[in-house]
Amino acid sequence: MEELPEYVNLSLRVKVPKDGRNSPYLLIGKLKVNRLADNDGVYGGELRLPRDIAFRFRITTDTGVQEAGRNGKEAPFRILKLPGDAAIDYEVERWSE
């Protein structure tokens, strides 16, 4: 049986509303995700994380503002689990007030 690598690669992209907030980075759980220089409202990058890491989170700005659902109320938690390499795209519909 082939041994699995200890770490996996995550290609992450997060699109946020263009509402004037211009955070230099977002937080996904405790992961810091930087704004992409050439894409307004898009954050992302390549991360190397432990295999089978799993956590629940809401996307948060650098100032602590959390994502909200369409109705403006608290968004449900997202879940990230990485059994292997992955490419994930998230979209924030709106920010809480």
N, C-alpha and C. Protein backbone atom coordinates (compact mmCIF):
# COMPACT_ATOMS: atom_id res chain seq x y z
N MET A 1 0.84 -1.17 0.00
CA MET A 1 0.00 0.00 0.00
C MET A 1 0.89 1.24 0.00
N GLU A 2 0.52 2.21 -0.83
CA GLU A 2 1.30 3.43 -0.98
C GLU A 2 1.06 4.35 0.22
N GLU A 3 2.14 4.94 0.73
CA GLU A 3 2.02 5.85 1.87
C GLU A 3 1.54 7.23 1.39
N LEU A 4 0.58 7.81 2.10
CA LEU A 4 0.05 9.12 1.73
C LEU A 4 0.93 10.22 2.28
N PRO A 5 1.09 11.31 1.53
CA PRO A 5 1.90 12.42 2.05
C PRO A 5 1.24 13.05 3.27
N GLU A 6 2.06 13.63 4.13
CA GLU A 6 1.58 14.24 5.36
C GLU A 6 0.83 15.55 5.10
N TYR A 7 1.19 16.24 4.01
CA TYR A 7 0.59 17.54 3.68
C TYR A 7 -0.10 17.49 2.33
N VAL A 8 -1.10 18.37 2.16
CA VAL A 8 -1.82 18.50 0.89
C VAL A 8 -1.75 19.96 0.45
N ASN A 9 -2.01 20.19 -0.82
CA ASN A 9 -1.98 21.54 -1.39
C ASN A 9 -3.41 22.02 -1.61
N LEU A 10 -3.67 23.25 -1.21
CA LEU A 10 -4.98 23.86 -1.39
C LEU A 10 -4.81 25.13 -2.21
N SER A 11 -5.49 25.17 -3.34
CA SER A 11 -5.57 26.39 -4.14
C SER A 11 -6.90 27.04 -3.77
N LEU A 12 -6.83 28.21 -3.16
CA LEU A 12 -8.00 28.84 -2.58
C LEU A 12 -8.27 30.19 -3.24
N ARG A 13 -9.54 30.44 -3.51
CA ARG A 13 -9.96 31.71 -4.12
C ARG A 13 -11.26 32.14 -3.45
N VAL A 14 -11.32 33.40 -3.01
CA VAL A 14 -12.51 33.93 -2.35
C VAL A 14 -12.91 35.24 -3.03
N LYS A 15 -14.13 35.28 -3.52
CA LYS A 15 -14.66 36.50 -4.15
C LYS A 15 -15.57 37.18 -3.15
N VAL A 16 -15.37 38.50 -2.96
CA VAL A 16 -16.17 39.25 -1.99
C VAL A 16 -16.89 40.38 -2.70
N PRO A 17 -17.97 40.92 -2.09
CA PRO A 17 -18.69 42.03 -2.71
C PRO A 17 -17.81 43.28 -2.81
N LYS A 18 -18.03 44.03 -3.85
CA LYS A 18 -17.30 45.30 -4.02
C LYS A 18 -18.12 46.39 -3.35
N ASP A 19 -17.96 46.51 -2.04
CA ASP A 19 -18.77 47.46 -1.26
C ASP A 19 -17.93 48.52 -0.56
N GLY A 20 -16.71 48.71 -1.03
CA GLY A 20 -15.85 49.72 -0.44
C GLY A 20 -14.91 49.19 0.64
N ARG A 21 -15.19 47.99 1.16
CA ARG A 21 -14.26 47.41 2.13
C ARG A 21 -13.03 46.96 1.35
N ASN A 22 -11.91 47.30 1.87
CA ASN A 22 -10.68 47.00 1.13
C ASN A 22 -9.68 46.34 2.07
N SER A 23 -10.06 45.25 2.66
CA SER A 23 -9.19 44.55 3.60
C SER A 23 -7.97 44.00 2.88
N PRO A 24 -6.79 44.08 3.50
CA PRO A 24 -5.60 43.51 2.89
C PRO A 24 -5.61 41.98 2.90
N TYR A 25 -6.40 41.43 3.83
CA TYR A 25 -6.50 39.96 3.89
C TYR A 25 -7.83 39.57 4.54
N LEU A 26 -8.20 38.30 4.36
CA LEU A 26 -9.37 37.70 4.99
C LEU A 26 -8.89 36.57 5.89
N LEU A 27 -9.74 36.18 6.82
CA LEU A 27 -9.46 35.02 7.65
C LEU A 27 -10.47 33.93 7.36
N ILE A 28 -9.97 32.74 7.15
CA ILE A 28 -10.79 31.55 6.98
C ILE A 28 -10.37 30.65 8.13
N GLY A 29 -11.18 30.68 9.18
CA GLY A 29 -10.73 30.07 10.42
C GLY A 29 -9.52 30.86 10.89
N LYS A 30 -8.39 30.20 11.04
CA LYS A 30 -7.15 30.89 11.42
C LYS A 30 -6.22 31.08 10.23
N LEU A 31 -6.69 30.73 9.04
CA LEU A 31 -5.87 30.88 7.84
C LEU A 31 -5.99 32.30 7.30
N LYS A 32 -4.87 32.93 7.07
CA LYS A 32 -4.84 34.28 6.51
C LYS A 32 -4.74 34.15 4.98
N VAL A 33 -5.68 34.80 4.29
CA VAL A 33 -5.73 34.74 2.83
C VAL A 33 -5.61 36.17 2.29
N ASN A 34 -4.55 36.44 1.54
CA ASN A 34 -4.26 37.78 1.05
C ASN A 34 -5.09 38.17 -0.17
N ARG A 35 -5.30 39.48 -0.29
CA ARG A 35 -5.97 40.04 -1.47
C ARG A 35 -5.02 39.87 -2.66
N LEU A 36 -5.57 39.45 -3.79
CA LEU A 36 -4.76 39.32 -5.00
C LEU A 36 -4.59 40.71 -5.61
N ALA A 37 -3.37 41.09 -5.89
CA ALA A 37 -3.05 42.44 -6.34
C ALA A 37 -3.77 42.84 -7.63
N ASP A 38 -3.93 41.91 -8.53
CA ASP A 38 -4.49 42.25 -9.84
C ASP A 38 -5.99 42.00 -9.95
N ASN A 39 -6.66 41.60 -8.86
CA ASN A 39 -8.09 41.31 -8.92
C ASN A 39 -8.83 42.00 -7.78
N ASP A 40 -9.59 43.04 -8.11
CA ASP A 40 -10.37 43.74 -7.10
C ASP A 40 -11.45 42.83 -6.55
N GLY A 41 -11.48 42.68 -5.24
CA GLY A 41 -12.52 41.86 -4.61
C GLY A 41 -12.24 40.37 -4.63
N VAL A 42 -11.00 39.98 -4.96
CA VAL A 42 -10.66 38.56 -4.99
C VAL A 42 -9.43 38.32 -4.12
N TYR A 43 -9.54 37.31 -3.28
CA TYR A 43 -8.48 36.92 -2.37
C TYR A 43 -8.11 35.48 -2.68
N GLY A 44 -6.89 35.10 -2.34
CA GLY A 44 -6.56 33.71 -2.58
C GLY A 44 -5.09 33.43 -2.45
N GLY A 45 -4.77 32.21 -2.82
CA GLY A 45 -3.39 31.78 -2.77
C GLY A 45 -3.28 30.28 -2.73
N GLU A 46 -2.06 29.84 -2.65
CA GLU A 46 -1.73 28.42 -2.56
C GLU A 46 -1.27 28.14 -1.15
N LEU A 47 -1.91 27.19 -0.50
CA LEU A 47 -1.58 26.84 0.87
C LEU A 47 -1.19 25.37 0.95
N ARG A 48 -0.31 25.07 1.88
CA ARG A 48 0.09 23.69 2.16
C ARG A 48 -0.37 23.39 3.58
N LEU A 49 -1.27 22.43 3.72
CA LEU A 49 -1.90 22.14 5.01
C LEU A 49 -1.79 20.67 5.35
N PRO A 50 -1.90 20.34 6.63
CA PRO A 50 -1.86 18.93 7.02
C PRO A 50 -3.01 18.13 6.39
N ARG A 51 -2.72 16.96 5.91
CA ARG A 51 -3.74 16.07 5.35
C ARG A 51 -4.82 15.82 6.39
N ASP A 52 -6.05 15.76 5.95
CA ASP A 52 -7.23 15.49 6.78
C ASP A 52 -7.53 16.58 7.80
N ILE A 53 -6.94 17.76 7.63
CA ILE A 53 -7.32 18.87 8.49
C ILE A 53 -8.81 19.15 8.24
N ALA A 54 -9.52 19.51 9.27
CA ALA A 54 -10.95 19.83 9.13
C ALA A 54 -11.31 20.89 10.16
N PHE A 55 -12.07 21.88 9.72
CA PHE A 55 -12.56 22.89 10.65
C PHE A 55 -13.77 23.59 10.04
N ARG A 56 -14.55 24.23 10.91
CA ARG A 56 -15.70 25.00 10.45
C ARG A 56 -15.38 26.47 10.68
N PHE A 57 -15.95 27.32 9.84
CA PHE A 57 -15.57 28.73 9.87
C PHE A 57 -16.60 29.59 9.16
N ARG A 58 -16.47 30.87 9.38
CA ARG A 58 -17.10 31.90 8.55
C ARG A 58 -15.96 32.77 8.02
N ILE A 59 -16.11 33.27 6.84
CA ILE A 59 -15.09 34.14 6.28
C ILE A 59 -15.20 35.49 6.98
N THR A 60 -14.06 36.04 7.41
CA THR A 60 -14.02 37.25 8.22
C THR A 60 -12.99 38.22 7.65
N THR A 61 -13.29 39.52 7.72
CA THR A 61 -12.32 40.53 7.29
C THR A 61 -11.23 40.70 8.35
N ASP A 62 -10.21 41.45 8.01
CA ASP A 62 -9.13 41.72 8.96
C ASP A 62 -9.61 42.52 10.16
N THR A 63 -10.77 43.17 10.07
CA THR A 63 -11.32 43.95 11.19
C THR A 63 -12.37 43.17 11.97
N GLY A 64 -12.60 41.91 11.62
CA GLY A 64 -13.52 41.07 12.36
C GLY A 64 -14.95 41.03 11.84
N VAL A 65 -15.23 41.69 10.72
CA VAL A 65 -16.57 41.66 10.14
C VAL A 65 -16.77 40.31 9.46
N GLN A 66 -17.87 39.63 9.80
CA GLN A 66 -18.12 38.29 9.26
C GLN A 66 -19.06 38.34 8.06
N GLU A 67 -18.96 37.29 7.27
CA GLU A 67 -19.86 37.18 6.13
C GLU A 67 -21.29 36.98 6.63
N ALA A 68 -22.24 37.43 5.83
CA ALA A 68 -23.66 37.28 6.16
C ALA A 68 -24.36 36.60 5.00
N GLY A 69 -25.53 36.06 5.27
CA GLY A 69 -26.33 35.45 4.22
C GLY A 69 -27.05 36.50 3.39
N ARG A 70 -27.82 36.08 2.41
CA ARG A 70 -28.55 37.00 1.54
C ARG A 70 -29.46 37.94 2.32
N ASN A 71 -30.04 37.43 3.40
CA ASN A 71 -30.98 38.23 4.19
C ASN A 71 -30.27 39.16 5.17
N GLY A 72 -28.95 39.18 5.17
CA GLY A 72 -28.19 40.03 6.06
C GLY A 72 -27.94 39.44 7.43
N LYS A 73 -28.54 38.29 7.69
CA LYS A 73 -28.36 37.63 8.99
C LYS A 73 -27.11 36.76 8.94
N GLU A 74 -26.72 36.26 10.09
CA GLU A 74 -25.52 35.44 10.21
C GLU A 74 -25.51 34.29 9.21
N ALA A 75 -24.42 34.14 8.51
CA ALA A 75 -24.28 33.06 7.54
C ALA A 75 -24.00 31.76 8.27
N PRO A 76 -24.43 30.63 7.73
CA PRO A 76 -24.10 29.36 8.37
C PRO A 76 -22.59 29.11 8.29
N PHE A 77 -22.10 28.29 9.20
CA PHE A 77 -20.68 27.93 9.16
C PHE A 77 -20.39 27.14 7.89
N ARG A 78 -19.22 27.35 7.34
CA ARG A 78 -18.72 26.53 6.24
C ARG A 78 -17.84 25.45 6.86
N ILE A 79 -17.63 24.37 6.14
CA ILE A 79 -16.77 23.29 6.63
C ILE A 79 -15.70 23.01 5.58
N LEU A 80 -14.47 22.92 6.04
CA LEU A 80 -13.36 22.60 5.16
C LEU A 80 -12.71 21.33 5.68
N LYS A 81 -12.60 20.34 4.83
CA LYS A 81 -11.90 19.09 5.16
C LYS A 81 -11.05 18.73 3.95
N LEU A 82 -9.79 18.43 4.20
CA LEU A 82 -8.86 18.19 3.10
C LEU A 82 -8.21 16.81 3.18
N PRO A 83 -8.83 15.81 2.57
CA PRO A 83 -8.21 14.49 2.53
C PRO A 83 -7.13 14.39 1.44
N GLY A 84 -7.10 15.39 0.56
CA GLY A 84 -6.12 15.40 -0.53
C GLY A 84 -6.03 16.79 -1.13
N ASP A 85 -5.22 16.95 -2.17
CA ASP A 85 -5.08 18.24 -2.83
C ASP A 85 -6.45 18.71 -3.31
N ALA A 86 -6.66 20.04 -3.27
CA ALA A 86 -7.96 20.58 -3.67
C ALA A 86 -7.82 22.00 -4.20
N ALA A 87 -8.79 22.39 -5.02
CA ALA A 87 -8.96 23.77 -5.48
C ALA A 87 -10.38 24.17 -5.07
N ILE A 88 -10.48 25.21 -4.25
CA ILE A 88 -11.78 25.62 -3.71
C ILE A 88 -12.03 27.09 -3.99
N ASP A 89 -13.24 27.39 -4.45
CA ASP A 89 -13.69 28.76 -4.65
C ASP A 89 -14.84 29.04 -3.70
N TYR A 90 -14.77 30.15 -2.99
CA TYR A 90 -15.86 30.60 -2.13
C TYR A 90 -16.32 31.96 -2.63
N GLU A 91 -17.58 32.29 -2.34
CA GLU A 91 -18.09 33.62 -2.63
C GLU A 91 -18.85 34.13 -1.42
N VAL A 92 -18.50 35.34 -0.99
CA VAL A 92 -19.19 36.02 0.10
C VAL A 92 -20.29 36.87 -0.53
N GLU A 93 -21.54 36.61 -0.14
CA GLU A 93 -22.68 37.35 -0.71
C GLU A 93 -22.75 38.77 -0.16
N ARG A 94 -22.52 38.91 1.13
CA ARG A 94 -22.53 40.23 1.77
C ARG A 94 -21.88 40.12 3.12
N TRP A 95 -21.57 41.27 3.71
CA TRP A 95 -20.96 41.32 5.03
C TRP A 95 -21.99 41.71 6.07
N SER A 96 -21.80 41.24 7.30
CA SER A 96 -22.70 41.62 8.38
C SER A 96 -22.49 43.09 8.69
N GLU A 97 -23.47 43.68 9.29
CA GLU A 97 -23.39 45.13 9.61
C GLU A 97 -22.80 45.33 10.99
